[in-house]
Protein backbone atom coordinates (compact mmCIF):
# COMPACT_ATOMS: atom_id res chain seq x y z
CA MET A 1 108.39 68.97 35.81
CA TYR A 2 108.15 65.49 37.48
CA CYS A 3 104.79 65.09 38.60
CA ASP A 4 102.96 62.45 40.64
CA ARG A 5 99.64 61.28 39.19
CA ASP A 6 97.81 62.91 42.12
CA TRP A 7 98.92 66.25 41.13
CA VAL A 8 98.01 65.99 37.20
CA GLY A 9 94.90 67.90 37.95
CA ARG A 10 96.46 70.63 39.78
CA PHE A 11 99.01 71.25 37.03
CA ALA A 12 97.04 70.57 33.97
CA ASN A 13 96.65 74.18 33.00
CA VAL A 14 100.63 75.00 33.65
CA ALA A 15 101.62 72.23 30.96
CA VAL A 16 102.40 72.43 27.29
CA LYS A 17 100.12 69.90 25.55
CA PRO A 18 102.38 67.09 24.37
CA LYS A 19 99.84 66.58 21.40
CA TYR A 20 101.04 69.67 19.49
CA LEU A 21 104.71 68.93 20.29
CA LEU A 22 104.19 65.37 19.17
CA GLU A 23 102.85 66.45 15.75
CA ASN A 24 105.98 68.83 15.27
CA SER A 25 108.09 66.83 12.97
CA ASP A 26 111.06 69.30 13.28
CA LEU A 27 111.40 68.27 17.00
CA LYS A 28 110.72 64.61 16.77
CA TYR A 29 113.21 62.34 18.51
CA PRO A 30 114.24 59.43 16.28
CA ASN A 31 112.02 56.23 16.96
CA TYR A 32 110.15 57.78 19.60
CA ASN A 33 106.92 55.93 18.84
CA PHE A 34 104.39 57.42 21.40
CA GLU A 35 102.02 54.51 20.75
CA ASP A 36 104.50 52.16 22.78
CA PHE A 37 103.63 53.71 26.04
CA PHE A 38 100.83 51.59 27.69
CA PRO A 39 97.51 53.18 26.83
CA SER A 40 96.23 52.54 30.47
CA LEU A 41 99.13 54.87 31.73
CA VAL A 42 98.65 57.63 29.00
CA ALA A 43 94.71 57.77 29.68
CA ASN A 44 94.98 57.37 33.54
CA MET A 45 98.08 58.63 34.67
CA SER A 46 99.15 61.50 32.04
CA SER A 47 95.68 62.72 31.09
CA TYR A 48 93.26 65.04 32.62
CA LYS A 49 89.49 65.27 31.44
CA GLY A 50 90.48 63.07 28.45
CA GLN A 51 93.35 65.41 27.33
CA LEU A 52 97.04 64.46 27.36
CA VAL A 53 99.13 66.95 29.50
CA ALA A 54 102.29 64.72 30.32
CA ILE A 55 104.36 61.90 29.44
CA PRO A 56 104.56 58.71 31.30
CA TYR A 57 107.77 58.17 33.22
CA ASP A 58 107.48 55.71 36.01
CA ILE A 59 104.89 53.19 37.34
CA PRO A 60 104.95 51.86 41.00
CA ILE A 61 102.01 49.62 41.17
CA PHE A 62 100.69 46.98 43.92
CA ILE A 63 101.62 43.34 43.30
CA MET A 64 101.84 40.61 45.81
CA PHE A 65 105.14 39.25 47.40
CA TYR A 66 105.52 36.06 49.42
CA ARG A 67 108.28 34.04 51.11
CA GLN A 68 108.70 30.99 49.29
CA ASP A 69 110.60 29.26 52.08
CA ILE A 70 107.70 29.84 54.64
CA PHE A 71 104.93 28.72 52.34
CA GLU A 72 106.92 25.43 51.49
CA GLU A 73 107.62 24.91 55.21
CA LEU A 74 104.02 25.43 56.19
CA GLY A 75 102.72 23.65 53.06
CA LEU A 76 100.91 26.55 51.95
CA SER A 77 99.24 27.49 48.40
CA VAL A 78 99.55 30.87 47.22
CA PRO A 79 96.15 32.67 47.91
CA THR A 80 94.29 33.82 44.94
CA THR A 81 91.18 35.13 46.55
CA MET A 82 90.57 37.81 49.26
CA THR A 83 89.16 34.96 51.65
CA GLU A 84 92.25 33.06 51.20
CA TYR A 85 94.73 35.92 51.73
CA LEU A 86 93.39 36.43 55.19
CA ALA A 87 93.30 32.68 56.24
CA THR A 88 96.72 32.41 54.87
CA ALA A 89 98.05 35.30 57.08
CA GLN A 90 96.32 33.53 59.99
CA ILE A 91 97.85 30.34 59.46
CA ILE A 92 101.41 32.10 59.18
CA ASN A 93 100.75 34.07 62.44
CA GLU A 94 99.82 30.96 64.41
CA ALA A 95 102.89 29.20 63.28
CA LYS A 96 105.53 31.94 63.08
CA LYS A 97 104.46 35.01 65.29
CA PRO A 98 106.25 37.16 66.58
CA GLN A 99 109.38 36.36 64.39
CA VAL A 100 107.40 36.53 61.51
CA TYR A 101 103.99 37.82 60.75
CA GLY A 102 101.42 36.98 58.13
CA THR A 103 101.19 40.36 56.38
CA ALA A 104 101.80 43.94 56.93
CA GLY A 105 100.56 47.40 55.76
CA GLN A 106 101.81 50.92 55.06
CA TRP A 107 99.39 52.12 57.82
CA LYS A 108 101.20 55.27 59.11
CA VAL A 109 98.64 57.54 60.69
CA GLY A 110 97.84 60.54 58.50
CA HIS A 111 100.19 59.62 55.96
CA ASN A 112 99.27 59.35 52.30
CA SER A 113 100.59 55.76 52.47
CA LEU A 114 97.60 54.67 54.56
CA LEU A 115 95.23 55.90 52.02
CA CYS A 116 97.16 54.22 49.10
CA ASN A 117 96.95 50.74 51.14
CA MET A 118 93.22 51.52 51.99
CA THR A 119 92.39 51.87 48.23
CA ALA A 120 93.35 48.32 47.39
CA TRP A 121 90.64 46.97 49.87
CA LEU A 122 88.05 49.58 48.78
CA TRP A 123 88.20 48.82 45.16
CA SER A 124 88.70 44.84 45.72
CA HIS A 125 85.32 45.02 47.51
CA GLY A 126 83.24 46.75 44.57
CA GLY A 127 83.72 50.43 46.15
CA SER A 128 84.92 53.71 44.95
CA PHE A 129 85.32 57.19 45.89
CA TYR A 130 82.77 58.62 43.92
CA HIS A 131 79.50 57.53 41.98
CA GLY A 132 79.35 58.42 38.12
CA ASP A 133 77.38 61.51 38.83
CA GLY A 134 80.04 62.92 41.01
CA THR A 135 78.53 62.33 44.51
CA PRO A 136 80.52 60.46 47.00
CA ALA A 137 80.38 56.72 47.15
CA ILE A 138 82.88 56.43 49.85
CA ASN A 139 80.43 55.57 52.68
CA ASP A 140 78.23 53.10 50.84
CA GLU A 141 78.02 49.22 51.86
CA ARG A 142 80.84 48.36 49.49
CA ALA A 143 83.10 50.87 51.03
CA ILE A 144 82.36 49.38 54.39
CA ALA A 145 82.76 46.02 53.47
CA GLY A 146 86.43 47.06 52.29
CA MET A 147 87.12 48.85 55.54
CA GLU A 148 86.05 45.77 57.57
CA TYR A 149 88.82 43.80 55.36
CA LEU A 150 91.42 46.53 56.17
CA LEU A 151 90.93 46.15 59.96
CA ALA A 152 90.88 42.50 59.74
CA GLN A 153 94.49 42.54 58.62
CA ARG A 154 95.87 44.35 61.76
CA GLN A 155 95.67 41.13 63.98
CA TYR A 156 98.09 39.50 61.63
CA ALA A 157 100.59 42.29 61.24
CA PRO A 158 103.23 43.68 63.47
CA PRO A 159 101.87 46.09 65.93
CA GLU A 160 104.49 48.78 64.50
CA ALA A 161 102.71 48.59 61.13
CA LEU A 162 100.75 51.55 62.32
CA THR A 163 103.91 53.77 62.36
CA TRP A 164 105.03 52.46 58.94
CA ASP A 165 104.79 54.45 55.62
CA TRP A 166 105.66 52.46 52.42
CA TYR A 167 109.27 52.37 53.21
CA GLY A 168 108.89 51.15 56.89
CA GLU A 169 106.59 48.23 55.50
CA ALA A 170 109.14 47.47 52.84
CA GLU A 171 111.97 47.26 55.54
CA ALA A 172 110.08 44.93 57.66
CA PHE A 173 109.62 42.69 54.68
CA ARG A 174 113.17 42.71 53.71
CA GLN A 175 114.40 41.94 57.31
CA GLY A 176 112.34 38.85 57.18
CA ARG A 177 109.60 39.91 59.58
CA VAL A 178 106.69 39.59 57.16
CA ALA A 179 105.83 36.40 54.96
CA MET A 180 103.15 38.07 52.71
CA LEU A 181 102.57 41.61 51.38
CA ILE A 182 100.59 43.51 48.69
CA SER A 183 102.66 46.55 48.06
CA TRP A 184 104.63 48.50 45.35
CA GLY A 185 106.29 46.13 42.78
CA GLU A 186 109.49 48.53 42.75
CA TRP A 187 110.39 47.10 46.19
CA PHE A 188 111.33 43.79 44.51
CA PRO A 189 115.01 44.47 43.53
CA TRP A 190 115.55 45.78 47.18
CA PHE A 191 114.36 42.40 48.31
CA GLU A 192 115.86 40.23 45.97
CA ALA A 193 119.43 42.01 45.13
CA SER A 194 120.22 44.02 48.06
CA PRO A 195 123.44 42.96 49.77
CA THR A 196 121.73 43.54 53.18
CA SER A 197 118.51 41.79 52.30
CA GLN A 198 117.46 38.97 54.94
CA VAL A 199 115.19 37.48 52.36
CA SER A 200 117.17 37.48 49.08
CA GLY A 201 116.43 34.39 46.89
CA ARG A 202 113.54 33.40 48.95
CA VAL A 203 110.89 36.06 47.58
CA ALA A 204 108.39 35.24 44.84
CA THR A 205 105.85 37.85 43.23
CA VAL A 206 102.17 37.00 42.03
CA ARG A 207 99.27 38.82 40.85
CA CYS A 208 97.19 40.19 43.74
CA PRO A 209 94.29 38.11 44.79
CA GLN A 210 90.98 38.35 42.47
CA GLU A 211 88.72 41.19 43.83
CA ILE A 212 85.40 40.21 45.59
CA ALA A 213 83.53 42.72 43.28
CA LEU A 214 84.83 45.35 40.95
CA ARG A 215 83.00 48.62 40.06
CA SER A 216 83.20 49.84 36.60
CA TYR A 217 85.13 52.98 35.86
CA ARG A 218 82.00 54.07 33.96
CA GLU A 219 80.19 53.91 37.38
CA CYS A 220 82.82 56.40 38.85
CA ALA A 221 83.55 60.14 38.24
CA PHE A 222 86.66 62.22 37.81
CA GLY A 223 88.79 59.61 36.12
CA GLU A 224 88.80 57.12 38.97
CA VAL A 225 89.58 53.35 37.87
CA PRO A 226 88.92 50.56 40.44
CA GLY A 227 91.41 48.05 40.74
CA ILE A 228 93.33 46.15 43.60
CA SER A 229 96.87 47.24 41.97
CA HIS A 230 97.01 50.73 43.03
CA CYS A 231 98.86 52.95 40.73
CA GLY A 232 101.33 55.49 42.01
CA GLY A 233 102.83 56.44 38.75
CA SER A 234 104.38 59.87 37.61
CA SER A 235 104.88 61.72 34.46
CA LEU A 236 107.01 64.35 33.28
CA LEU A 237 105.15 67.85 32.01
CA LEU A 238 106.74 70.48 30.15
CA SER A 239 105.92 73.83 31.76
CA ARG A 240 104.37 76.58 29.47
CA TYR A 241 106.44 79.10 31.15
CA SER A 242 109.71 77.41 30.04
CA LYS A 243 111.96 79.74 28.08
CA GLN A 244 113.71 76.83 26.58
CA GLN A 245 110.62 74.82 25.42
CA GLU A 246 112.01 73.05 22.39
CA ALA A 247 115.17 71.96 24.08
CA ALA A 248 113.25 70.74 26.97
CA TRP A 249 110.84 68.92 24.83
CA VAL A 250 113.77 67.09 22.84
CA PHE A 251 115.30 66.39 26.23
CA LEU A 252 112.19 64.92 27.66
CA GLN A 253 111.72 62.78 24.46
CA TRP A 254 115.15 61.26 24.98
CA LEU A 255 114.43 60.65 28.62
CA THR A 256 111.26 58.77 27.65
CA SER A 257 112.34 57.12 24.43
CA PRO A 258 112.50 53.27 24.24
CA ASP A 259 116.13 52.87 24.70
CA THR A 260 116.41 55.04 27.55
CA THR A 261 113.48 53.63 29.39
CA THR A 262 114.83 50.19 28.71
CA ARG A 263 118.23 51.07 30.19
CA VAL A 264 116.71 52.64 33.20
CA ALA A 265 114.75 49.24 33.68
CA ILE A 266 117.91 47.25 33.44
CA LEU A 267 120.30 49.57 35.56
CA SER A 268 117.41 49.52 38.38
CA ASN A 269 115.75 46.12 37.70
CA THR A 270 112.54 47.96 37.90
CA ASN A 271 109.38 48.07 35.56
CA GLY A 272 108.82 50.43 32.63
CA VAL A 273 106.16 52.54 31.20
CA ARG A 274 106.64 51.17 27.59
CA ARG A 275 105.61 47.75 26.21
CA SER A 276 108.76 47.55 24.40
CA THR A 277 110.76 47.34 27.56
CA TYR A 278 109.19 44.18 28.73
CA SER A 279 109.99 42.17 25.45
CA ASP A 280 113.42 43.73 25.06
CA PRO A 281 116.00 40.88 25.12
CA ARG A 282 118.32 43.21 27.12
CA LEU A 283 115.96 42.82 30.19
CA ARG A 284 116.29 39.09 30.20
CA VAL A 285 120.18 38.76 30.84
CA GLY A 286 122.17 39.10 34.01
CA PHE A 287 119.94 39.85 37.19
CA GLY A 288 117.05 39.74 34.84
CA ALA A 289 117.64 36.32 33.65
CA GLN A 290 116.54 34.67 36.95
CA PRO A 291 113.49 32.85 36.87
CA ASN A 292 111.99 34.83 39.79
CA VAL A 293 112.88 38.09 38.25
CA VAL A 294 111.30 37.23 34.99
CA LYS A 295 108.29 36.35 36.77
CA TYR A 296 108.31 39.92 38.53
CA PHE A 297 108.26 41.62 35.32
CA ASP A 298 105.37 39.29 33.98
CA VAL A 299 103.35 40.10 37.21
CA THR A 300 104.02 43.92 36.90
CA LEU A 301 102.89 43.71 33.25
CA ASP A 302 99.72 41.90 34.06
CA ALA A 303 99.08 44.52 36.86
CA ILE A 304 99.42 47.46 34.54
CA GLU A 305 97.21 46.03 31.81
CA ASN A 306 94.54 44.32 33.79
CA ARG A 307 94.47 45.12 37.49
CA MET A 308 95.33 48.78 37.75
CA GLY A 309 93.68 51.10 40.36
CA VAL A 310 93.56 54.80 39.77
CA GLU A 311 92.29 57.72 42.19
CA PRO A 312 90.13 60.38 40.83
CA HIS A 313 91.91 63.20 38.93
CA LEU A 314 90.83 66.36 40.91
CA PRO A 315 92.69 69.51 41.09
CA ASN A 316 92.20 69.47 44.82
CA TRP A 317 92.80 65.60 45.36
CA ILE A 318 95.80 66.53 47.21
CA GLU A 319 93.75 67.92 50.07
CA LEU A 320 91.64 64.76 50.14
CA GLY A 321 94.69 62.16 49.48
CA PHE A 322 97.48 63.82 51.63
CA ASN A 323 95.34 65.50 54.53
CA ARG A 324 91.60 64.87 55.19
CA PHE A 325 91.41 61.20 54.18
CA PRO A 326 94.60 59.85 55.88
CA VAL A 327 93.79 61.69 59.08
CA GLU A 328 90.08 60.31 59.15
CA LEU A 329 91.50 56.61 58.23
CA GLY A 330 94.22 56.97 60.92
CA LYS A 331 91.35 57.63 63.58
CA LEU A 332 89.89 54.42 62.25
CA MET A 333 93.10 52.23 62.49
CA THR A 334 93.77 53.45 66.02
CA ASN A 335 90.37 52.61 67.33
CA GLN A 336 89.25 56.36 67.89
CA GLN A 337 86.12 56.25 65.77
CA SER A 338 83.93 53.59 63.97
CA ILE A 339 84.08 52.78 60.17
CA LYS A 340 80.84 54.56 59.63
CA THR A 341 82.06 57.82 61.21
CA THR A 342 85.09 57.59 59.39
CA LEU A 343 83.47 57.07 55.91
CA ASP A 344 80.84 59.45 56.62
CA ASN A 345 83.51 62.13 57.29
CA MET A 346 85.38 61.07 54.21
CA ALA A 347 82.14 61.28 52.26
CA GLN A 348 81.57 64.78 53.39
CA ALA A 349 85.17 66.12 52.76
CA ALA A 350 84.71 64.30 49.19
CA ALA A 351 81.56 66.44 48.55
CA GLN A 352 83.01 69.61 49.65
CA VAL A 353 85.97 69.15 47.34
CA SER A 354 84.13 68.06 44.09
CA GLN A 355 81.57 71.00 44.52
CA THR A 356 84.36 73.52 44.36
CA LEU A 357 85.02 72.30 40.72
């Protein structure tokens, strides 16, 4: 079963626990080395309530993209703080709009992409969805600051951004309409290597700006880990209802083995879930030998190890993340309600879901 991290809590009781399979020497795939997986992914993407329920498989994660040619033309430095990011977007807008905008967002009203974007600003301002005791934190003063930052970006983005999910946002950047973007790192090969890309050879990647404040995961509940680099990764689960569990487990190990995951990274020019992928010499040849591609892998590695943000693990998180929260945020983005009303409504929904546990 291919399972987005948002669904791990929902399917934890359906999965065969990998711990017991990993201990079965008769079924062990050669040189599998489970310790090679990033501990942050094992703990925050493939586990539920501290118990391993899946094997990490892919890891889209937020990094920052920018147009080198535009930054050089305008004499801009790459922003390293949240304040500098907004200021840089404003300068680009004043010089290039409407041909090129300073930034963009995956702000489609009612879509999960809007929530994903929002988390970067929530977490980077010291906010979180829940306090450590399980009560909602989504409407505190830190969350309000994050939403003010989110709204401030609208004036520097194409108006159509309110209709874009992650694909629409990436397509706008690929067409050359956006100069700076914080989004999923897996878009980089599409920007850089696609024959139809309008920005090929002019895209650079860098770590996201430093958070203004960052709440410790120890101050949060349900496995939430604040960090500006939102993690959207997925895992592979083995269903306990499978009639071919042993064969499926061997296949799953092959699919997530060091050699296979590295080959996938080479073929797709995207990041992997194992440490060994990033040091494998095969990754640094061909397309991967270009300096901007090497930098892309280094930036992604840093995001996974040091900047990763993870939403709460709740069995009913789907109700919040794919329904109630994006709807409330959509009303905020389209000026139908205030920040306070939006966050109060989200806090009420968060409390209702957590109380059902």
